[in-house]
Structures are given as C-alpha cells and as structure tokens.
Amino acid sequence: MPWEDARIVVAHQRTLRRAVNVCRAHPKVAVLTSPGAGPAELALLLEGVHRTFVVCEELGTDREQVSVLTSDKAADHSWRDPNVVLVIGGATGGVPTAPG
C-alpha cells in the first residue's frame, strides 16, 4: 500500500482530539502515540466510525508485535508502549482510477 498520501500526527493527551479528527477526515493516518493517547483512546473517540487499526507495539524491543483489528475492538485491549497506530479506511472523495 503506498503511503505518499498518508497523514502523520502525534497524539498526546492534549492533542488527542486533533489526531482523531485527522483519522476521521483521511483514509490513511499514522498516529505516533503517547501514554494516555494510544490505540484504546483513539478507538473510544472514533466510536461509530469504522476504521482498520494496525497497532505496532513495543517498537524497538525483542517483544515487538503487530496487530490488525477494527477500531471497535481496539478500545477493549491494553496496549504496550511504545506503539504506533496506522489508521486505515474512510471516504476518500472517490476511488482513484488508473490513467489511460
């Protein structure tokens, strides 16, 4: 999946709503999380908005793990730091077509 058109946001407790708004508005978002503003908190604020979460946990350690789940399932899990969430899905304003 190409990521040139993806958005990247940083989520802190103070900026969590901004990160959620970006996830609502764009089909591909990489969210750099922080304690208190992680996958579960993102999922809770996205309630009712379907997205796919790719959660990369414990980055840079021997226990690194990648999980793929829907946003409605992410709120019910305790995620290990540090982590990054790729939020995928949503309207794009139309499906791009190949030139030709």
PDB file of N, CA and C in Angstrom:
ATOM      1  N   MET A   1       0.856  -1.176   0.000  1.00  0.00           N
ATOM      2  CA  MET A   1       0.000   0.000   0.000  1.00  0.00           C
ATOM      3  C   MET A   1       0.905   1.243   0.000  1.00  0.00           C
ATOM      4  N   PRO A   2       0.745   2.117  -0.976  1.00  0.00           N
ATOM      5  CA  PRO A   2       1.555   3.337  -0.994  1.00  0.00           C
ATOM      6  C   PRO A   2       1.156   4.276   0.154  1.00  0.00           C
ATOM      7  N   TRP A   3       2.139   4.959   0.710  1.00  0.00           N
ATOM      8  CA  TRP A   3       1.884   5.860   1.842  1.00  0.00           C
ATOM      9  C   TRP A   3       2.257   7.310   1.556  1.00  0.00           C
ATOM     10  N   GLU A   4       2.496   7.653   0.271  1.00  0.00           N
ATOM     11  CA  GLU A   4       2.841   9.053  -0.036  1.00  0.00           C
ATOM     12  C   GLU A   4       1.725  10.010   0.321  1.00  0.00           C
ATOM     13  N   ASP A   5       0.487   9.532   0.282  1.00  0.00           N
ATOM     14  CA  ASP A   5      -0.664  10.396   0.551  1.00  0.00           C
ATOM     15  C   ASP A   5      -1.145  10.310   2.002  1.00  0.00           C
ATOM     16  N   ALA A   6      -0.400   9.615   2.846  1.00  0.00           N
ATOM     17  CA  ALA A   6      -0.811   9.450   4.247  1.00  0.00           C
ATOM     18  C   ALA A   6      -0.533  10.712   5.069  1.00  0.00           C
ATOM     19  N   ARG A   7      -1.300  10.867   6.105  1.00  0.00           N
ATOM     20  CA  ARG A   7      -1.081  11.932   7.088  1.00  0.00           C
ATOM     21  C   ARG A   7      -0.351  11.324   8.278  1.00  0.00           C
ATOM     22  N   ILE A   8       0.441  12.118   8.947  1.00  0.00           N
ATOM     23  CA  ILE A   8       1.139  11.680  10.153  1.00  0.00           C
ATOM     24  C   ILE A   8       0.815  12.683  11.251  1.00  0.00           C
ATOM     25  N   VAL A   9       0.348  12.171  12.389  1.00  0.00           N
ATOM     26  CA  VAL A   9       0.018  13.039  13.513  1.00  0.00           C
ATOM     27  C   VAL A   9       0.632  12.474  14.790  1.00  0.00           C
ATOM     28  N   VAL A  10       0.840  13.356  15.733  1.00  0.00           N
ATOM     29  CA  VAL A  10       1.324  12.970  17.053  1.00  0.00           C
ATOM     30  C   VAL A  10       0.160  13.136  18.015  1.00  0.00           C
ATOM     31  N   ALA A  11      -0.087  12.101  18.812  1.00  0.00           N
ATOM     32  CA  ALA A  11      -1.196  12.151  19.765  1.00  0.00           C
ATOM     33  C   ALA A  11      -0.651  12.204  21.192  1.00  0.00           C
ATOM     34  N   HIS A  12      -0.960  13.293  21.865  1.00  0.00           N
ATOM     35  CA  HIS A  12      -0.721  13.455  23.304  1.00  0.00           C
ATOM     36  C   HIS A  12      -2.094  13.640  23.927  1.00  0.00           C
ATOM     37  N   GLN A  13      -2.174  13.595  25.222  1.00  0.00           N
ATOM     38  CA  GLN A  13      -3.478  13.791  25.859  1.00  0.00           C
ATOM     39  C   GLN A  13      -4.102  15.118  25.439  1.00  0.00           C
ATOM     40  N   ARG A  14      -3.293  16.166  25.273  1.00  0.00           N
ATOM     41  CA  ARG A  14      -3.825  17.485  24.890  1.00  0.00           C
ATOM     42  C   ARG A  14      -4.212  17.562  23.418  1.00  0.00           C
ATOM     43  N   THR A  15      -3.599  16.719  22.566  1.00  0.00           N
ATOM     44  CA  THR A  15      -3.849  16.811  21.126  1.00  0.00           C
ATOM     45  C   THR A  15      -4.608  15.602  20.583  1.00  0.00           C
ATOM     46  N   LEU A  16      -5.144  14.771  21.461  1.00  0.00           N
ATOM     47  CA  LEU A  16      -5.807  13.543  21.035  1.00  0.00           C
ATOM     48  C   LEU A  16      -6.999  13.820  20.118  1.00  0.00           C
ATOM     49  N   ARG A  17      -7.812  14.801  20.454  1.00  0.00           N
ATOM     50  CA  ARG A  17      -8.983  15.110  19.612  1.00  0.00           C
ATOM     51  C   ARG A  17      -8.569  15.549  18.215  1.00  0.00           C
ATOM     52  N   ARG A  18      -7.487  16.283  18.107  1.00  0.00           N
ATOM     53  CA  ARG A  18      -6.987  16.690  16.786  1.00  0.00           C
ATOM     54  C   ARG A  18      -6.578  15.462  15.987  1.00  0.00           C
ATOM     55  N   ALA A  19      -5.874  14.533  16.613  1.00  0.00           N
ATOM     56  CA  ALA A  19      -5.469  13.303  15.932  1.00  0.00           C
ATOM     57  C   ALA A  19      -6.694  12.510  15.472  1.00  0.00           C
ATOM     58  N   VAL A  20      -7.710  12.434  16.307  1.00  0.00           N
ATOM     59  CA  VAL A  20      -8.941  11.722  15.952  1.00  0.00           C
ATOM     60  C   VAL A  20      -9.615  12.394  14.766  1.00  0.00           C
ATOM     61  N   ASN A  21      -9.654  13.713  14.748  1.00  0.00           N
ATOM     62  CA  ASN A  21     -10.265  14.440  13.628  1.00  0.00           C
ATOM     63  C   ASN A  21      -9.531  14.155  12.321  1.00  0.00           C
ATOM     64  N   VAL A  22      -8.203  14.054  12.377  1.00  0.00           N
ATOM     65  CA  VAL A  22      -7.423  13.718  11.183  1.00  0.00           C
ATOM     66  C   VAL A  22      -7.776  12.302  10.731  1.00  0.00           C
ATOM     67  N   CYS A  23      -7.933  11.374  11.686  1.00  0.00           N
ATOM     68  CA  CYS A  23      -8.310   9.988  11.359  1.00  0.00           C
ATOM     69  C   CYS A  23      -9.706   9.914  10.747  1.00  0.00           C
ATOM     70  N   ARG A  24     -10.594  10.795  11.152  1.00  0.00           N
ATOM     71  CA  ARG A  24     -11.946  10.836  10.570  1.00  0.00           C
ATOM     72  C   ARG A  24     -11.908  11.366   9.140  1.00  0.00           C
ATOM     73  N   ALA A  25     -11.027  12.320   8.882  1.00  0.00           N
ATOM     74  CA  ALA A  25     -11.024  13.047   7.615  1.00  0.00           C
ATOM     75  C   ALA A  25     -10.177  12.412   6.514  1.00  0.00           C
ATOM     76  N   HIS A  26      -9.248  11.529   6.874  1.00  0.00           N
ATOM     77  CA  HIS A  26      -8.306  10.992   5.886  1.00  0.00           C
ATOM     78  C   HIS A  26      -8.279   9.466   5.919  1.00  0.00           C
ATOM     79  N   PRO A  27      -8.073   8.835   4.755  1.00  0.00           N
ATOM     80  CA  PRO A  27      -8.123   7.378   4.687  1.00  0.00           C
ATOM     81  C   PRO A  27      -6.872   6.656   5.177  1.00  0.00           C
ATOM     82  N   LYS A  28      -5.757   7.367   5.318  1.00  0.00           N
ATOM     83  CA  LYS A  28      -4.518   6.746   5.803  1.00  0.00           C
ATOM     84  C   LYS A  28      -3.830   7.707   6.755  1.00  0.00           C
ATOM     85  N   VAL A  29      -3.719   7.285   8.018  1.00  0.00           N
ATOM     86  CA  VAL A  29      -3.088   8.142   9.019  1.00  0.00           C
ATOM     87  C   VAL A  29      -2.164   7.294   9.879  1.00  0.00           C
ATOM     88  N   ALA A  30      -0.957   7.758  10.068  1.00  0.00           N
ATOM     89  CA  ALA A  30      -0.036   7.150  11.024  1.00  0.00           C
ATOM     90  C   ALA A  30      -0.083   8.015  12.279  1.00  0.00           C
ATOM     91  N   VAL A  31      -0.421   7.402  13.392  1.00  0.00           N
ATOM     92  CA  VAL A  31      -0.539   8.135  14.650  1.00  0.00           C
ATOM     93  C   VAL A  31       0.597   7.724  15.570  1.00  0.00           C
ATOM     94  N   LEU A  32       1.453   8.676  15.894  1.00  0.00           N
ATOM     95  CA  LEU A  32       2.521   8.454  16.857  1.00  0.00           C
ATOM     96  C   LEU A  32       1.900   8.706  18.224  1.00  0.00           C
ATOM     97  N   THR A  33       1.789   7.676  19.023  1.00  0.00           N
ATOM     98  CA  THR A  33       1.024   7.743  20.261  1.00  0.00           C
ATOM     99  C   THR A  33       1.891   8.097  21.461  1.00  0.00           C
ATOM    100  N   SER A  34       1.231   8.288  22.586  1.00  0.00           N
ATOM    101  CA  SER A  34       1.908   8.520  23.862  1.00  0.00           C
ATOM    102  C   SER A  34       1.017   7.935  24.957  1.00  0.00           C
ATOM    103  N   PRO A  35       1.565   7.720  26.150  1.00  0.00           N
ATOM    104  CA  PRO A  35       0.730   7.199  27.239  1.00  0.00           C
ATOM    105  C   PRO A  35      -0.492   8.099  27.457  1.00  0.00           C
ATOM    106  N   GLY A  36      -1.655   7.475  27.543  1.00  0.00           N
ATOM    107  CA  GLY A  36      -2.896   8.230  27.716  1.00  0.00           C
ATOM    108  C   GLY A  36      -3.503   8.700  26.412  1.00  0.00           C
ATOM    109  N   ALA A  37      -2.809   8.477  25.308  1.00  0.00           N
ATOM    110  CA  ALA A  37      -3.301   8.863  23.979  1.00  0.00           C
ATOM    111  C   ALA A  37      -2.877   7.781  22.990  1.00  0.00           C
ATOM    112  N   GLY A  38      -3.273   6.552  23.293  1.00  0.00           N
ATOM    113  CA  GLY A  38      -2.874   5.411  22.484  1.00  0.00           C
ATOM    114  C   GLY A  38      -4.023   4.832  21.686  1.00  0.00           C
ATOM    115  N   PRO A  39      -3.864   3.597  21.233  1.00  0.00           N
ATOM    116  CA  PRO A  39      -4.875   2.958  20.395  1.00  0.00           C
ATOM    117  C   PRO A  39      -6.260   2.890  21.050  1.00  0.00           C
ATOM    118  N   ALA A  40      -6.320   2.561  22.330  1.00  0.00           N
ATOM    119  CA  ALA A  40      -7.619   2.441  23.012  1.00  0.00           C
ATOM    120  C   ALA A  40      -8.329   3.792  23.068  1.00  0.00           C
ATOM    121  N   GLU A  41      -7.599   4.838  23.395  1.00  0.00           N
ATOM    122  CA  GLU A  41      -8.195   6.171  23.487  1.00  0.00           C
ATOM    123  C   GLU A  41      -8.646   6.665  22.108  1.00  0.00           C
ATOM    124  N   LEU A  42      -7.828   6.393  21.081  1.00  0.00           N
ATOM    125  CA  LEU A  42      -8.230   6.753  19.712  1.00  0.00           C
ATOM    126  C   LEU A  42      -9.532   6.051  19.343  1.00  0.00           C
ATOM    127  N   ALA A  43      -9.595   4.760  19.627  1.00  0.00           N
ATOM    128  CA  ALA A  43     -10.776   3.972  19.278  1.00  0.00           C
ATOM    129  C   ALA A  43     -12.018   4.479  19.999  1.00  0.00           C
ATOM    130  N   LEU A  44     -11.879   4.838  21.273  1.00  0.00           N
ATOM    131  CA  LEU A  44     -13.034   5.341  22.021  1.00  0.00           C
ATOM    132  C   LEU A  44     -13.579   6.621  21.396  1.00  0.00           C
ATOM    133  N   LEU A  45     -12.693   7.508  20.987  1.00  0.00           N
ATOM    134  CA  LEU A  45     -13.145   8.765  20.391  1.00  0.00           C
ATOM    135  C   LEU A  45     -13.620   8.599  18.948  1.00  0.00           C
ATOM    136  N   LEU A  46     -13.256   7.495  18.312  1.00  0.00           N
ATOM    137  CA  LEU A  46     -13.737   7.210  16.956  1.00  0.00           C
ATOM    138  C   LEU A  46     -15.011   6.377  16.973  1.00  0.00           C
ATOM    139  N   GLU A  47     -15.611   6.206  18.128  1.00  0.00           N
ATOM    140  CA  GLU A  47     -16.803   5.369  18.245  1.00  0.00           C
ATOM    141  C   GLU A  47     -17.812   5.700  17.161  1.00  0.00           C
ATOM    142  N   GLY A  48     -18.275   4.657  16.478  1.00  0.00           N
ATOM    143  CA  GLY A  48     -19.240   4.841  15.398  1.00  0.00           C
ATOM    144  C   GLY A  48     -18.614   5.101  14.044  1.00  0.00           C
ATOM    145  N   VAL A  49     -17.301   5.268  13.997  1.00  0.00           N
ATOM    146  CA  VAL A  49     -16.581   5.494  12.740  1.00  0.00           C
ATOM    147  C   VAL A  49     -15.707   4.266  12.503  1.00  0.00           C
ATOM    148  N   HIS A  50     -16.015   3.501  11.472  1.00  0.00           N
ATOM    149  CA  HIS A  50     -15.286   2.254  11.214  1.00  0.00           C
ATOM    150  C   HIS A  50     -13.928   2.538  10.582  1.00  0.00           C
ATOM    151  N   ARG A  51     -12.881   2.013  11.193  1.00  0.00           N
ATOM    152  CA  ARG A  51     -11.530   2.092  10.657  1.00  0.00           C
ATOM    153  C   ARG A  51     -10.813   0.782  10.957  1.00  0.00           C
ATOM    154  N   THR A  52      -9.773   0.488  10.186  1.00  0.00           N
ATOM    155  CA  THR A  52      -8.884  -0.625  10.486  1.00  0.00           C
ATOM    156  C   THR A  52      -7.677  -0.048  11.208  1.00  0.00           C
ATOM    157  N   PHE A  53      -7.314  -0.671  12.316  1.00  0.00           N
ATOM    158  CA  PHE A  53      -6.136  -0.262  13.087  1.00  0.00           C
ATOM    159  C   PHE A  53      -5.036  -1.300  12.871  1.00  0.00           C
ATOM    160  N   VAL A  54      -3.855  -0.832  12.552  1.00  0.00           N
ATOM    161  CA  VAL A  54      -2.661  -1.670  12.563  1.00  0.00           C
ATOM    162  C   VAL A  54      -1.829  -1.113  13.706  1.00  0.00           C
ATOM    163  N   VAL A  55      -1.771  -1.866  14.800  1.00  0.00           N
ATOM    164  CA  VAL A  55      -1.093  -1.400  16.008  1.00  0.00           C
ATOM    165  C   VAL A  55       0.263  -2.089  16.094  1.00  0.00           C
ATOM    166  N   CYS A  56       1.311  -1.285  16.136  1.00  0.00           N
ATOM    167  CA  CYS A  56       2.682  -1.781  16.256  1.00  0.00           C
ATOM    168  C   CYS A  56       3.142  -1.480  17.681  1.00  0.00           C
ATOM    169  N   GLU A  57       3.278  -2.536  18.491  1.00  0.00           N
ATOM    170  CA  GLU A  57       3.579  -2.376  19.917  1.00  0.00           C
ATOM    171  C   GLU A  57       5.042  -2.669  20.238  1.00  0.00           C
ATOM    172  N   GLU A  58       5.488  -2.104  21.332  1.00  0.00           N
ATOM    173  CA  GLU A  58       6.825  -2.325  21.893  1.00  0.00           C
ATOM    174  C   GLU A  58       7.901  -2.216  20.816  1.00  0.00           C
ATOM    175  N   LEU A  59       7.791  -1.150  20.047  1.00  0.00           N
ATOM    176  CA  LEU A  59       8.726  -0.931  18.948  1.00  0.00           C
ATOM    177  C   LEU A  59      10.167  -0.863  19.442  1.00  0.00           C
ATOM    178  N   GLY A  60      11.053  -1.496  18.705  1.00  0.00           N
ATOM    179  CA  GLY A  60      12.468  -1.464  19.042  1.00  0.00           C
ATOM    180  C   GLY A  60      12.882  -2.445  20.116  1.00  0.00           C
ATOM    181  N   THR A  61      11.979  -3.323  20.534  1.00  0.00           N
ATOM    182  CA  THR A  61      12.311  -4.316  21.554  1.00  0.00           C
ATOM    183  C   THR A  61      12.204  -5.719  20.952  1.00  0.00           C
ATOM    184  N   ASP A  62      12.644  -6.710  21.700  1.00  0.00           N
ATOM    185  CA  ASP A  62      12.519  -8.104  21.268  1.00  0.00           C
ATOM    186  C   ASP A  62      11.062  -8.567  21.286  1.00  0.00           C
ATOM    187  N   ARG A  63      10.188  -7.806  21.943  1.00  0.00           N
ATOM    188  CA  ARG A  63       8.773  -8.184  22.064  1.00  0.00           C
ATOM    189  C   ARG A  63       7.884  -7.406  21.087  1.00  0.00           C
ATOM    190  N   GLU A  64       8.494  -6.812  20.067  1.00  0.00           N
ATOM    191  CA  GLU A  64       7.737  -6.059  19.065  1.00  0.00           C
ATOM    192  C   GLU A  64       6.627  -6.934  18.486  1.00  0.00           C
ATOM    193  N   GLN A  65       5.438  -6.340  18.329  1.00  0.00           N
ATOM    194  CA  GLN A  65       4.295  -7.107  17.825  1.00  0.00           C
ATOM    195  C   GLN A  65       3.405  -6.203  16.992  1.00  0.00           C
ATOM    196  N   VAL A  66       2.815  -6.768  15.931  1.00  0.00           N
ATOM    197  CA  VAL A  66       1.887  -6.035  15.069  1.00  0.00           C
ATOM    198  C   VAL A  66       0.538  -6.739  15.120  1.00  0.00           C
ATOM    199  N   SER A  67      -0.524  -5.967  15.382  1.00  0.00           N
ATOM    200  CA  SER A  67      -1.889  -6.493  15.421  1.00  0.00           C
ATOM    201  C   SER A  67      -2.748  -5.711  14.447  1.00  0.00           C
ATOM    202  N   VAL A  68      -3.623  -6.407  13.725  1.00  0.00           N
ATOM    203  CA  VAL A  68      -4.560  -5.766  12.801  1.00  0.00           C
ATOM    204  C   VAL A  68      -5.964  -6.083  13.302  1.00  0.00           C
ATOM    205  N   LEU A  69      -6.751  -5.035  13.548  1.00  0.00           N
ATOM    206  CA  LEU A  69      -8.104  -5.212  14.056  1.00  0.00           C
ATOM    207  C   LEU A  69      -8.954  -4.009  13.693  1.00  0.00           C
ATOM    208  N   THR A  70     -10.252  -4.124  13.890  1.00  0.00           N
ATOM    209  CA  THR A  70     -11.129  -2.995  13.622  1.00  0.00           C
ATOM    210  C   THR A  70     -11.117  -2.055  14.818  1.00  0.00           C
ATOM    211  N   SER A  71     -11.413  -0.810  14.552  1.00  0.00           N
ATOM    212  CA  SER A  71     -11.344   0.209  15.604  1.00  0.00           C
ATOM    213  C   SER A  71     -12.275  -0.084  16.770  1.00  0.00           C
ATOM    214  N   ASP A  72     -13.403  -0.736  16.519  1.00  0.00           N
ATOM    215  CA  ASP A  72     -14.324  -1.032  17.623  1.00  0.00           C
ATOM    216  C   ASP A  72     -13.761  -2.076  18.582  1.00  0.00           C
ATOM    217  N   LYS A  73     -12.760  -2.840  18.166  1.00  0.00           N
ATOM    218  CA  LYS A  73     -12.130  -3.836  19.041  1.00  0.00           C
ATOM    219  C   LYS A  73     -10.915  -3.280  19.784  1.00  0.00           C
ATOM    220  N   ALA A  74     -10.346  -2.200  19.309  1.00  0.00           N
ATOM    221  CA  ALA A  74      -9.109  -1.665  19.880  1.00  0.00           C
ATOM    222  C   ALA A  74      -9.289  -1.063  21.272  1.00  0.00           C
ATOM    223  N   ALA A  75     -10.489  -0.600  21.584  1.00  0.00           N
ATOM    224  CA  ALA A  75     -10.733   0.039  22.880  1.00  0.00           C
ATOM    225  C   ALA A  75     -10.725  -0.963  24.023  1.00  0.00           C
ATOM    226  N   ASP A  76     -10.946  -2.228  23.718  1.00  0.00           N
ATOM    227  CA  ASP A  76     -11.055  -3.263  24.749  1.00  0.00           C
ATOM    228  C   ASP A  76      -9.738  -3.956  25.057  1.00  0.00           C
ATOM    229  N   HIS A  77      -8.636  -3.373  24.646  1.00  0.00           N
ATOM    230  CA  HIS A  77      -7.334  -4.025  24.807  1.00  0.00           C
ATOM    231  C   HIS A  77      -6.371  -3.090  25.530  1.00  0.00           C
ATOM    232  N   SER A  78      -5.460  -3.664  26.271  1.00  0.00           N
ATOM    233  CA  SER A  78      -4.407  -2.885  26.917  1.00  0.00           C
ATOM    234  C   SER A  78      -3.163  -2.977  26.033  1.00  0.00           C
ATOM    235  N   TRP A  79      -2.746  -1.861  25.464  1.00  0.00           N
ATOM    236  CA  TRP A  79      -1.637  -1.829  24.512  1.00  0.00           C
ATOM    237  C   TRP A  79      -0.336  -1.468  25.202  1.00  0.00           C
ATOM    238  N   ARG A  80       0.756  -2.071  24.749  1.00  0.00           N
ATOM    239  CA  ARG A  80       2.070  -1.830  25.356  1.00  0.00           C
ATOM    240  C   ARG A  80       2.805  -0.718  24.605  1.00  0.00           C
ATOM    241  N   ASP A  81       3.440   0.156  25.367  1.00  0.00           N
ATOM    242  CA  ASP A  81       4.230   1.256  24.803  1.00  0.00           C
ATOM    243  C   ASP A  81       5.652   0.782  24.521  1.00  0.00           C
ATOM    244  N   PRO A  82       6.366   1.445  23.642  1.00  0.00           N
ATOM    245  CA  PRO A  82       5.872   2.454  22.710  1.00  0.00           C
ATOM    246  C   PRO A  82       5.121   1.791  21.567  1.00  0.00           C
ATOM    247  N   ASN A  83       4.149   2.524  21.037  1.00  0.00           N
ATOM    248  CA  ASN A  83       3.398   1.989  19.908  1.00  0.00           C
ATOM    249  C   ASN A  83       3.062   3.084  18.910  1.00  0.00           C
ATOM    250  N   VAL A  84       2.727   2.621  17.717  1.00  0.00           N
ATOM    251  CA  VAL A  84       2.292   3.475  16.614  1.00  0.00           C
ATOM    252  C   VAL A  84       1.040   2.819  16.059  1.00  0.00           C
ATOM    253  N   VAL A  85       0.078   3.635  15.643  1.00  0.00           N
ATOM    254  CA  VAL A  85      -1.157   3.098  15.073  1.00  0.00           C
ATOM    255  C   VAL A  85      -1.311   3.608  13.648  1.00  0.00           C
ATOM    256  N   LEU A  86      -1.494   2.679  12.719  1.00  0.00           N
ATOM    257  CA  LEU A  86      -1.854   3.044  11.359  1.00  0.00           C
ATOM    258  C   LEU A  86      -3.366   2.916  11.281  1.00  0.00           C
ATOM    259  N   VAL A  87      -4.032   4.009  10.956  1.00  0.00           N
ATOM    260  CA  VAL A  87      -5.493   4.039  10.893  1.00  0.00           C
ATOM    261  C   VAL A  87      -5.874   4.118   9.421  1.00  0.00           C
ATOM    262  N   ILE A  88      -6.594   3.088   8.957  1.00  0.00           N
ATOM    263  CA  ILE A  88      -6.875   2.957   7.536  1.00  0.00           C
ATOM    264  C   ILE A  88      -8.374   2.837   7.311  1.00  0.00           C
ATOM    265  N   GLY A  89      -8.874   3.548   6.309  1.00  0.00           N
ATOM    266  CA  GLY A  89     -10.276   3.444   5.925  1.00  0.00           C
ATOM    267  C   GLY A  89     -10.939   4.793   5.846  1.00  0.00           C
ATOM    268  N   GLY A  90     -12.194   4.774   5.427  1.00  0.00           N
ATOM    269  CA  GLY A  90     -12.953   6.021   5.348  1.00  0.00           C
ATOM    270  C   GLY A  90     -13.053   6.515   3.930  1.00  0.00           C
ATOM    271  N   ALA A  91     -13.903   7.514   3.772  1.00  0.00           N
ATOM    272  CA  ALA A  91     -14.165   8.084   2.445  1.00  0.00           C
ATOM    273  C   ALA A  91     -12.937   8.824   1.922  1.00  0.00           C
ATOM    274  N   THR A  92     -12.706   8.679   0.651  1.00  0.00           N
ATOM    275  CA  THR A  92     -11.584   9.357   0.029  1.00  0.00           C
ATOM    276  C   THR A  92     -12.041  10.403  -0.983  1.00  0.00           C
ATOM    277  N   GLY A  93     -13.343  10.574  -1.081  1.00  0.00           N
ATOM    278  CA  GLY A  93     -13.842  11.520  -2.068  1.00  0.00           C
ATOM    279  C   GLY A  93     -13.902  10.896  -3.449  1.00  0.00           C
ATOM    280  N   GLY A  94     -13.787   9.594  -3.524  1.00  0.00           N
ATOM    281  CA  GLY A  94     -13.825   8.898  -4.811  1.00  0.00           C
ATOM    282  C   GLY A  94     -12.690   7.931  -4.910  1.00  0.00           C
ATOM    283  N   VAL A  95     -12.882   6.904  -5.704  1.00  0.00           N
ATOM    284  CA  VAL A  95     -11.856   5.906  -5.895  1.00  0.00           C
ATOM    285  C   VAL A  95     -10.974   6.347  -7.056  1.00  0.00           C
ATOM    286  N   PRO A  96      -9.655   6.458  -6.816  1.00  0.00           N
ATOM    287  CA  PRO A  96      -8.780   6.867  -7.920  1.00  0.00           C
ATOM    288  C   PRO A  96      -8.769   5.810  -9.017  1.00  0.00           C
ATOM    289  N   THR A  97      -8.678   6.254 -10.235  1.00  0.00           N
ATOM    290  CA  THR A  97      -8.620   5.342 -11.362  1.00  0.00           C
ATOM    291  C   THR A  97      -7.279   5.465 -12.048  1.00  0.00           C
ATOM    292  N   ALA A  98      -6.866   4.412 -12.696  1.00  0.00           N
ATOM    293  CA  ALA A  98      -5.591   4.429 -13.411  1.00  0.00           C
ATOM    294  C   ALA A  98      -5.729   5.279 -14.675  1.00  0.00           C
ATOM    295  N   PRO A  99      -4.705   6.065 -14.997  1.00  0.00           N
ATOM    296  CA  PRO A  99      -4.788   6.866 -16.219  1.00  0.00           C
ATOM    297  C   PRO A  99      -4.813   5.960 -17.439  1.00  0.00           C
ATOM    298  N   GLY A 100      -5.485   6.429 -18.467  1.00  0.00           N
ATOM    299  CA  GLY A 100      -5.377   5.623 -19.641  1.00  0.00           C
ATOM    300  C   GLY A 100      -6.538   5.534 -20.455  1.00  0.00           C
TER     301      GLY A 100
END
